[in-house]
């Protein structure tokens, strides 16, 4: 079974998110909550994408919506958080 170093992927991506948000905070005047919303969206997108490569994915659920799809429970949570961060 091929395993991917998803912890390293996450670390590198979160470093990029930090650098991006730090640069945005230093150079752009942002409204209150914009930086937090951007972090919520970017961190959730990271989890959504990296979760496809994880070796310990749990897809089965008792919920019919989650059970009938190829998305894991964590990816459904990420989609919910992305929508919250965009509001």
N, C-alpha and C. Protein backbone atom coordinates (compact mmCIF):
# COMPACT_ATOMS: atom_id res chain seq x y z
N UNK A 1 0.85 -1.17 0.00
CA UNK A 1 0.00 0.00 0.00
C UNK A 1 0.89 1.23 0.00
N UNK A 2 0.65 2.10 -0.94
CA UNK A 2 1.41 3.35 -1.02
C UNK A 2 0.86 4.34 0.00
N UNK A 3 1.74 4.87 0.83
CA UNK A 3 1.34 5.88 1.81
C UNK A 3 2.04 7.20 1.46
N UNK A 4 1.31 8.28 1.63
CA UNK A 4 1.85 9.61 1.37
C UNK A 4 2.16 10.28 2.70
N UNK A 5 3.21 11.11 2.75
CA UNK A 5 3.54 11.82 3.99
C UNK A 5 2.62 13.03 4.19
N UNK A 6 1.36 12.75 4.51
CA UNK A 6 0.38 13.83 4.58
C UNK A 6 0.66 14.82 5.71
N UNK A 7 1.34 14.37 6.77
CA UNK A 7 1.69 15.30 7.83
C UNK A 7 2.67 16.36 7.32
N UNK A 8 3.60 15.93 6.48
CA UNK A 8 4.53 16.89 5.88
C UNK A 8 3.81 17.82 4.91
N UNK A 9 2.90 17.26 4.12
CA UNK A 9 2.10 18.09 3.21
C UNK A 9 1.36 19.17 3.99
N UNK A 10 0.72 18.75 5.09
CA UNK A 10 -0.04 19.70 5.91
C UNK A 10 0.88 20.76 6.51
N UNK A 11 2.03 20.36 6.99
CA UNK A 11 2.97 21.32 7.58
C UNK A 11 3.41 22.37 6.57
N UNK A 12 3.76 21.92 5.38
CA UNK A 12 4.21 22.86 4.34
C UNK A 12 3.07 23.78 3.92
N UNK A 13 1.88 23.23 3.77
CA UNK A 13 0.74 24.04 3.35
C UNK A 13 0.38 25.05 4.43
N UNK A 14 0.40 24.64 5.71
CA UNK A 14 0.10 25.58 6.79
C UNK A 14 1.17 26.65 6.93
N UNK A 15 2.41 26.33 6.63
CA UNK A 15 3.45 27.37 6.61
C UNK A 15 3.13 28.38 5.52
N UNK A 16 2.72 27.90 4.35
CA UNK A 16 2.33 28.80 3.26
C UNK A 16 1.13 29.65 3.63
N UNK A 17 0.15 29.05 4.31
CA UNK A 17 -1.03 29.81 4.75
C UNK A 17 -0.61 30.90 5.73
N UNK A 18 0.28 30.53 6.67
CA UNK A 18 0.76 31.53 7.63
C UNK A 18 1.46 32.69 6.93
N UNK A 19 2.36 32.36 6.01
CA UNK A 19 3.10 33.42 5.32
C UNK A 19 2.17 34.30 4.49
N UNK A 20 1.19 33.69 3.84
CA UNK A 20 0.23 34.45 3.04
C UNK A 20 -0.60 35.38 3.91
N UNK A 21 -1.13 34.87 5.01
CA UNK A 21 -1.96 35.70 5.89
C UNK A 21 -1.13 36.76 6.62
N UNK A 22 0.10 36.41 6.97
CA UNK A 22 0.97 37.39 7.62
C UNK A 22 1.28 38.54 6.67
N UNK A 23 1.58 38.22 5.42
CA UNK A 23 1.86 39.26 4.43
C UNK A 23 0.61 40.10 4.17
N UNK A 24 -0.54 39.46 4.10
CA UNK A 24 -1.79 40.20 3.87
C UNK A 24 -2.08 41.14 5.03
N UNK A 25 -1.85 40.66 6.24
CA UNK A 25 -2.11 41.49 7.43
C UNK A 25 -1.17 42.69 7.50
N UNK A 26 0.06 42.51 7.02
CA UNK A 26 1.05 43.60 7.08
C UNK A 26 0.88 44.61 5.96
N UNK A 27 0.32 44.20 4.82
CA UNK A 27 0.28 45.09 3.67
C UNK A 27 -1.11 45.61 3.31
N UNK A 28 -2.15 44.90 3.69
CA UNK A 28 -3.51 45.27 3.30
C UNK A 28 -4.31 45.62 4.55
N UNK A 29 -5.09 46.69 4.47
CA UNK A 29 -5.98 47.05 5.56
C UNK A 29 -7.23 46.17 5.43
N UNK A 30 -7.44 45.34 6.44
CA UNK A 30 -8.55 44.39 6.42
C UNK A 30 -9.60 44.75 7.45
N UNK A 31 -10.85 44.44 7.12
CA UNK A 31 -11.92 44.63 8.10
C UNK A 31 -11.80 43.58 9.19
N UNK A 32 -12.43 43.86 10.32
CA UNK A 32 -12.39 42.92 11.44
C UNK A 32 -13.02 41.60 11.03
N UNK A 33 -12.34 40.51 11.32
CA UNK A 33 -12.84 39.18 11.03
C UNK A 33 -12.44 38.63 9.68
N UNK A 34 -11.91 39.46 8.81
CA UNK A 34 -11.53 39.00 7.48
C UNK A 34 -10.38 38.00 7.54
N UNK A 35 -9.41 38.28 8.38
CA UNK A 35 -8.25 37.39 8.51
C UNK A 35 -8.68 36.04 9.10
N UNK A 36 -9.55 36.06 10.08
CA UNK A 36 -10.03 34.82 10.68
C UNK A 36 -10.84 34.01 9.67
N UNK A 37 -11.67 34.68 8.89
CA UNK A 37 -12.45 33.99 7.86
C UNK A 37 -11.56 33.40 6.79
N UNK A 38 -10.52 34.14 6.41
CA UNK A 38 -9.58 33.63 5.41
C UNK A 38 -8.84 32.41 5.93
N UNK A 39 -8.44 32.44 7.20
CA UNK A 39 -7.77 31.28 7.78
C UNK A 39 -8.71 30.08 7.83
N UNK A 40 -9.95 30.30 8.20
CA UNK A 40 -10.93 29.22 8.26
C UNK A 40 -11.12 28.57 6.90
N UNK A 41 -11.21 29.38 5.87
CA UNK A 41 -11.39 28.85 4.52
C UNK A 41 -10.13 28.11 4.06
N UNK A 42 -8.97 28.71 4.22
CA UNK A 42 -7.72 28.10 3.74
C UNK A 42 -7.39 26.82 4.49
N UNK A 43 -7.58 26.80 5.80
CA UNK A 43 -7.30 25.60 6.58
C UNK A 43 -8.27 24.48 6.22
N UNK A 44 -9.51 24.83 5.96
CA UNK A 44 -10.51 23.83 5.59
C UNK A 44 -10.23 23.27 4.19
N UNK A 45 -9.81 24.12 3.28
CA UNK A 45 -9.45 23.66 1.94
C UNK A 45 -8.25 22.71 2.02
N UNK A 46 -7.29 23.04 2.88
CA UNK A 46 -6.13 22.17 3.07
C UNK A 46 -6.58 20.81 3.57
N UNK A 47 -7.43 20.77 4.58
CA UNK A 47 -7.88 19.48 5.12
C UNK A 47 -8.68 18.69 4.08
N UNK A 48 -9.51 19.40 3.32
CA UNK A 48 -10.33 18.74 2.31
C UNK A 48 -9.45 18.05 1.27
N UNK A 49 -8.41 18.73 0.80
CA UNK A 49 -7.55 18.19 -0.25
C UNK A 49 -6.62 17.10 0.29
N UNK A 50 -5.97 17.36 1.41
CA UNK A 50 -5.00 16.41 1.95
C UNK A 50 -5.70 15.13 2.42
N UNK A 51 -6.94 15.23 2.82
CA UNK A 51 -7.66 14.06 3.32
C UNK A 51 -7.83 12.98 2.25
N UNK A 52 -7.79 13.35 0.98
CA UNK A 52 -7.86 12.35 -0.09
C UNK A 52 -6.64 11.42 -0.07
N UNK A 53 -5.52 11.89 0.44
CA UNK A 53 -4.28 11.13 0.41
C UNK A 53 -3.96 10.43 1.73
N UNK A 54 -4.76 10.62 2.73
CA UNK A 54 -4.51 10.01 4.04
C UNK A 54 -4.73 8.50 3.96
N UNK A 55 -3.94 7.75 4.70
CA UNK A 55 -4.06 6.31 4.71
C UNK A 55 -5.12 5.80 5.66
N UNK A 56 -5.59 6.65 6.56
CA UNK A 56 -6.56 6.22 7.56
C UNK A 56 -7.95 6.82 7.34
N UNK A 57 -8.31 7.02 6.09
CA UNK A 57 -9.62 7.60 5.78
C UNK A 57 -10.74 6.68 6.24
N UNK A 58 -11.74 7.28 6.88
CA UNK A 58 -12.94 6.56 7.29
C UNK A 58 -14.09 7.16 6.51
N UNK A 59 -14.66 6.39 5.60
CA UNK A 59 -15.71 6.92 4.73
C UNK A 59 -17.09 6.47 5.19
N UNK A 60 -17.20 5.27 5.71
CA UNK A 60 -18.52 4.73 6.06
C UNK A 60 -19.11 5.47 7.25
N UNK A 61 -20.40 5.69 7.18
CA UNK A 61 -21.12 6.40 8.22
C UNK A 61 -22.56 5.90 8.25
N UNK A 62 -23.26 6.18 9.33
CA UNK A 62 -24.66 5.80 9.41
C UNK A 62 -25.54 6.83 8.71
N UNK A 63 -25.00 7.99 8.46
CA UNK A 63 -25.74 9.04 7.77
C UNK A 63 -25.81 8.70 6.28
N UNK A 64 -27.00 8.72 5.70
CA UNK A 64 -27.18 8.32 4.29
C UNK A 64 -26.44 9.26 3.35
N UNK A 65 -26.40 10.56 3.67
CA UNK A 65 -25.74 11.53 2.80
C UNK A 65 -24.24 11.27 2.75
N UNK A 66 -23.64 11.04 3.90
CA UNK A 66 -22.20 10.80 3.97
C UNK A 66 -21.88 9.41 3.44
N UNK A 67 -22.71 8.44 3.72
CA UNK A 67 -22.45 7.06 3.32
C UNK A 67 -22.48 6.89 1.80
N UNK A 68 -23.32 7.65 1.14
CA UNK A 68 -23.47 7.48 -0.29
C UNK A 68 -22.42 8.23 -1.11
N UNK A 69 -21.50 8.89 -0.47
CA UNK A 69 -20.50 9.67 -1.21
C UNK A 69 -19.10 9.13 -0.95
N UNK A 70 -18.15 9.64 -1.69
CA UNK A 70 -16.75 9.26 -1.50
C UNK A 70 -16.01 10.22 -0.59
N UNK A 71 -16.71 11.12 0.06
CA UNK A 71 -16.08 12.07 0.96
C UNK A 71 -16.08 11.51 2.37
N UNK A 72 -15.02 11.80 3.11
CA UNK A 72 -14.96 11.37 4.50
C UNK A 72 -15.72 12.35 5.37
N UNK A 73 -15.90 11.96 6.61
CA UNK A 73 -16.60 12.81 7.57
C UNK A 73 -15.88 14.14 7.74
N UNK A 74 -14.55 14.09 7.78
CA UNK A 74 -13.77 15.32 7.95
C UNK A 74 -13.90 16.25 6.75
N UNK A 75 -14.07 15.68 5.58
CA UNK A 75 -14.25 16.51 4.40
C UNK A 75 -15.61 17.20 4.41
N UNK A 76 -16.63 16.53 4.93
CA UNK A 76 -17.94 17.19 5.08
C UNK A 76 -17.84 18.34 6.07
N UNK A 77 -17.11 18.15 7.15
CA UNK A 77 -16.90 19.23 8.12
C UNK A 77 -16.14 20.38 7.46
N UNK A 78 -15.14 20.05 6.65
CA UNK A 78 -14.39 21.09 5.95
C UNK A 78 -15.28 21.90 5.02
N UNK A 79 -16.18 21.24 4.31
CA UNK A 79 -17.11 21.97 3.45
C UNK A 79 -17.99 22.91 4.25
N UNK A 80 -18.45 22.47 5.40
CA UNK A 80 -19.27 23.32 6.27
C UNK A 80 -18.46 24.53 6.76
N UNK A 81 -17.21 24.30 7.15
CA UNK A 81 -16.38 25.40 7.62
C UNK A 81 -16.01 26.37 6.51
N UNK A 82 -15.83 25.87 5.30
CA UNK A 82 -15.57 26.75 4.16
C UNK A 82 -16.76 27.69 3.95
N UNK A 83 -17.96 27.14 4.01
CA UNK A 83 -19.14 27.99 3.82
C UNK A 83 -19.29 28.99 4.96
N UNK A 84 -18.94 28.60 6.17
CA UNK A 84 -18.99 29.54 7.30
C UNK A 84 -17.94 30.64 7.14
N UNK A 85 -16.76 30.27 6.67
CA UNK A 85 -15.69 31.26 6.51
C UNK A 85 -15.96 32.25 5.40
N UNK A 86 -16.74 31.85 4.42
CA UNK A 86 -17.05 32.76 3.31
C UNK A 86 -18.17 33.74 3.64
N UNK A 87 -18.89 33.49 4.71
CA UNK A 87 -20.00 34.39 5.09
C UNK A 87 -19.56 35.66 5.74
